[in-house]
Protein backbone atom coordinates (compact mmCIF):
# COMPACT_ATOMS: atom_id res chain seq x y z
CA MET A 1 -43.15 12.93 35.11
CA SER A 2 -43.93 12.18 31.70
CA PRO A 3 -41.29 9.77 29.99
CA THR A 4 -38.75 11.72 27.85
CA ALA A 5 -40.18 13.06 24.12
CA GLY A 6 -39.61 10.28 21.84
CA THR A 7 -38.86 7.52 24.06
CA SER A 8 -41.02 5.15 26.14
CA PRO A 9 -40.07 2.63 29.06
CA GLY A 10 -38.80 -0.42 27.42
CA SER A 11 -38.20 0.91 23.90
CA GLN A 12 -34.76 0.69 22.47
CA PRO A 13 -32.99 4.15 23.29
CA ASP A 14 -31.80 6.39 20.63
CA ASN A 15 -28.40 7.40 19.62
CA LYS A 16 -29.29 10.88 21.77
CA THR A 17 -29.34 10.92 25.29
CA THR A 18 -31.72 13.32 27.15
CA PHE A 19 -32.51 13.80 30.73
CA PRO A 20 -35.87 14.31 32.34
CA VAL A 21 -36.41 17.47 34.63
CA GLY A 22 -34.84 16.75 37.84
CA ILE A 23 -32.51 14.03 36.71
CA SER A 24 -28.90 14.99 36.33
CA PRO A 25 -26.47 13.64 34.01
CA ARG A 26 -23.22 12.31 35.40
CA ASN A 27 -21.59 11.38 32.29
CA SER A 28 -22.81 11.97 28.45
CA ARG A 29 -21.24 8.55 27.53
CA ARG A 30 -23.60 5.78 27.06
CA PRO A 31 -22.68 2.61 28.59
CA GLU A 32 -21.18 0.22 26.94
CA GLN A 33 -23.23 -3.19 26.23
CA VAL A 34 -22.57 -5.54 28.78
CA HIS A 35 -23.97 -8.88 29.77
CA PRO A 36 -25.03 -8.91 33.64
CA PRO A 37 -23.33 -11.14 36.17
CA SER A 38 -25.71 -13.72 37.40
CA MET A 39 -27.51 -13.11 40.63
CA SER A 40 -25.34 -15.55 42.57
CA ALA A 41 -22.21 -13.52 41.57
CA ARG A 42 -23.53 -10.37 43.35
CA PRO A 43 -23.09 -9.18 46.68
CA HIS A 44 -25.80 -10.53 49.19
CA PRO A 45 -25.91 -8.80 52.61
CA GLU A 46 -25.50 -11.92 54.46
CA GLU A 47 -22.41 -12.61 52.49
CA ALA A 48 -20.95 -9.11 52.18
CA ASP A 49 -21.31 -6.27 54.58
CA ARG A 50 -18.81 -3.85 53.27
CA VAL A 51 -19.08 -2.34 49.73
CA ALA A 52 -16.02 -2.31 47.66
CA PRO A 53 -13.47 0.99 48.14
CA ASP A 54 -14.30 2.24 44.35
CA GLU A 55 -17.72 2.22 45.46
CA LEU A 56 -17.72 4.39 48.02
CA PRO A 57 -17.77 7.85 46.26
CA HIS A 58 -20.88 6.76 44.80
CA LEU A 59 -22.66 6.27 48.25
CA ARG A 60 -21.02 9.45 49.64
CA ARG A 61 -22.70 11.21 46.65
CA CYS A 62 -26.15 9.94 47.72
CA VAL A 63 -25.44 11.59 51.17
CA GLU A 64 -24.65 14.78 49.55
CA LEU A 65 -27.64 14.27 47.36
CA ALA A 66 -29.61 14.17 50.63
CA ALA A 67 -27.86 16.95 51.79
CA GLU A 68 -28.77 19.13 48.95
CA ALA A 69 -32.69 18.14 49.37
CA LEU A 70 -32.38 19.20 52.76
CA ALA A 71 -31.22 22.52 52.22
CA ASP A 72 -33.90 22.91 49.88
CA GLY A 73 -36.54 21.98 52.25
CA ASP A 74 -37.16 18.52 51.11
CA GLU A 75 -36.63 15.26 52.89
CA PRO A 76 -32.53 14.10 52.65
CA PHE A 77 -32.82 11.22 50.03
CA GLY A 78 -30.41 11.05 47.06
CA SER A 79 -29.67 8.37 44.57
CA VAL A 80 -27.13 7.60 41.94
CA LEU A 81 -27.51 5.02 38.62
CA VAL A 82 -24.19 3.51 38.04
CA ALA A 83 -23.43 1.38 34.71
CA ALA A 84 -21.61 -2.17 35.07
CA ASP A 85 -18.03 -0.24 34.32
CA GLY A 86 -18.56 2.13 37.15
CA THR A 87 -19.82 4.97 35.12
CA ALA A 88 -22.07 7.09 37.09
CA LEU A 89 -25.21 7.95 34.50
CA ALA A 90 -27.46 9.78 36.45
CA GLU A 91 -28.49 10.98 39.86
CA ASP A 92 -31.55 12.84 41.79
CA ARG A 93 -32.89 13.77 45.29
CA ASN A 94 -36.09 14.20 46.78
CA ARG A 95 -38.58 16.23 45.37
CA VAL A 96 -41.67 15.70 47.38
CA ALA A 97 -41.86 19.20 49.04
CA GLY A 98 -44.21 20.31 46.23
CA GLY A 99 -46.61 18.02 47.13
CA ASP A 100 -46.33 14.99 44.92
CA HIS A 101 -44.97 12.23 47.19
CA THR A 102 -44.06 10.07 44.34
CA ARG A 103 -41.14 12.07 43.35
CA HIS A 104 -38.56 9.92 44.96
CA PRO A 105 -35.12 9.88 43.35
CA GLU A 106 -35.21 6.19 43.09
CA PHE A 107 -38.43 6.18 41.47
CA GLU A 108 -36.99 8.89 38.90
CA LEU A 109 -33.89 7.05 37.98
CA ALA A 110 -35.96 3.96 37.06
CA ARG A 111 -37.84 5.66 34.82
CA TRP A 112 -34.97 7.47 33.37
CA ALA A 113 -33.25 4.16 32.97
CA ALA A 114 -36.10 2.56 31.20
CA ALA A 115 -35.94 5.28 28.76
CA ASN A 116 -32.36 5.38 28.02
CA LEU A 117 -30.72 2.27 28.72
CA THR A 118 -31.15 -1.22 27.04
CA PRO A 119 -32.45 -4.31 29.10
CA ASP A 120 -28.68 -5.87 29.26
CA GLN A 121 -27.70 -2.32 30.55
CA ARG A 122 -30.42 -1.83 33.07
CA ALA A 123 -29.66 -5.38 34.53
CA ALA A 124 -26.02 -4.54 34.78
CA ALA A 125 -26.34 -1.26 36.58
CA THR A 126 -26.57 -0.60 40.04
CA VAL A 127 -28.59 2.08 42.09
CA PHE A 128 -26.81 3.73 45.15
CA THR A 129 -29.01 5.51 47.41
CA SER A 130 -29.02 6.90 50.80
CA GLY A 131 -31.88 5.00 51.97
CA GLU A 132 -33.66 1.77 51.36
CA HIS A 133 -36.28 1.86 48.51
CA CYS A 134 -39.95 2.17 49.58
CA PRO A 135 -42.19 -0.31 48.19
CA MET A 136 -43.31 2.18 45.35
CA CYS A 137 -39.44 2.56 44.45
CA ALA A 138 -38.68 -1.07 44.72
CA ALA A 139 -41.69 -2.19 42.50
CA ALA A 140 -40.46 0.45 39.69
CA HIS A 141 -36.87 -0.91 39.89
CA GLY A 142 -38.11 -4.34 39.25
CA TRP A 143 -40.32 -3.62 36.63
CA VAL A 144 -37.57 -1.84 34.64
CA GLY A 145 -35.17 -4.59 35.39
CA LEU A 146 -32.46 -2.67 37.30
CA GLY A 147 -29.92 -4.79 38.94
CA ARG A 148 -28.24 -4.43 42.15
CA ILE A 149 -29.11 -1.91 45.00
CA VAL A 150 -27.01 -0.55 47.51
CA TYR A 151 -28.25 1.63 50.53
CA VAL A 152 -26.58 3.57 53.27
CA ALA A 153 -29.42 3.30 55.91
CA SER A 154 -32.63 0.64 55.52
CA SER A 155 -36.10 1.23 56.10
CA GLU A 156 -36.06 -0.45 59.68
CA GLN A 157 -33.38 2.40 60.95
CA LEU A 158 -35.57 5.12 59.22
CA LEU A 159 -38.57 3.59 61.12
CA GLY A 160 -36.59 3.71 64.46
CA TRP A 161 -35.21 7.30 63.86
CA LEU A 162 -38.77 8.52 63.29
CA ALA A 163 -40.31 6.87 66.21
CA GLU A 164 -37.31 8.43 68.66
CA LEU A 165 -38.15 11.89 67.28
CA GLY A 166 -41.89 11.19 67.79
CA VAL A 167 -42.74 11.45 64.08
CA PRO A 168 -45.52 8.92 62.80
CA PRO A 169 -44.40 6.28 60.22
CA PRO A 170 -45.32 6.97 56.53
CA PRO A 171 -48.54 6.00 55.32
CA VAL A 172 -47.00 3.14 53.00
CA ARG A 173 -45.94 0.52 54.94
CA ALA A 174 -42.07 -0.07 54.79
CA LEU A 175 -41.00 -3.43 53.36
CA PRO A 176 -37.74 -5.28 52.48
CA ILE A 177 -36.84 -4.80 49.00
CA ARG A 178 -36.65 -8.38 48.36
CA ASP A 179 -40.11 -8.76 49.81
CA VAL A 180 -41.28 -6.59 46.88
CA VAL A 181 -38.60 -7.71 44.18
CA PRO A 182 -37.72 -11.66 45.43
CA GLY A 183 -34.39 -12.42 44.14
CA LEU A 184 -32.80 -8.85 43.61
CA ALA A 185 -29.43 -8.68 44.94
CA VAL A 186 -29.29 -5.96 47.77
CA GLN A 187 -26.43 -4.62 50.15
CA GLY A 188 -26.84 -2.38 53.11
CA PRO A 189 -27.10 -0.82 55.46
CA ILE A 190 -23.49 0.86 55.15
CA PRO A 191 -22.37 1.60 58.88
CA GLU A 192 -19.54 4.04 58.15
CA LEU A 193 -21.92 6.50 56.21
CA ALA A 194 -25.46 5.51 58.28
CA ASP A 195 -24.80 7.96 61.26
CA GLN A 196 -24.38 10.90 58.34
CA VAL A 197 -28.05 9.94 57.18
CA HIS A 198 -29.51 9.65 60.59
CA GLU A 199 -28.33 12.95 61.19
CA LEU A 200 -29.75 14.38 58.17
CA HIS A 201 -33.24 12.99 58.90
CA ARG A 202 -32.98 14.37 62.56
CA SER A 203 -32.27 17.94 61.22
CA PHE A 204 -35.15 17.56 58.76
CA HIS A 205 -37.84 16.36 61.26
CA ARG A 206 -36.43 18.91 64.00
CA ARG A 207 -37.02 21.78 61.42
CA GLU A 208 -40.45 20.50 60.43
CA SER A 209 -41.31 20.35 64.51
CA ARG A 210 -40.03 24.03 64.51
CA THR A 211 -42.19 24.89 61.68
CA ASP A 212 -45.29 23.45 62.82
CA ALA A 213 -44.78 24.78 66.25
CA GLY A 214 -44.61 28.09 64.76
CA ARG A 215 -47.90 27.86 62.93
CA SER A 216 -49.74 26.68 66.12
């Protein structure tokens, strides 16, 4: 996906916000310019294993988006970009079924943020997501300077689920986000929602197995 016409990653956004194909705006109001809190002030997984109550709706929306992806024949992943004041700015879900395996929601949101938010707004924002970023998405997140990540299920959990189902691991090695972006504030997994994400992945791969069996 190319950047929105008239903008480029890292440029100052103009007064009109546009949304690339596949990105859904959650609120047309541009976020207020804020100074991001220091990394030390943000939750760390070893220090806080539960998200704030007002953040759970964003995570539930990620699970809903993952379910939408599954219903559309895609892998069940969904993500929401949220401003420092709690405003949901944009959302997306996996779109790799067409053959382009870079169409991850976290990657798309990073590109949207680069085109539409100032550096301070990006640093103060949070990406909520149903599954921990892959190395590609973590790198995009780090390069555009986005802030905290909160994920429902970890890459380690996903690999365990795949192994249970006899599914080979993905072609790119799963790495913890902070192995790719050192010092980034990361929180997850979120136990109260992880079972829902597990069931979505189980449904996807069981369906894929039936489809493969029907072709043989």
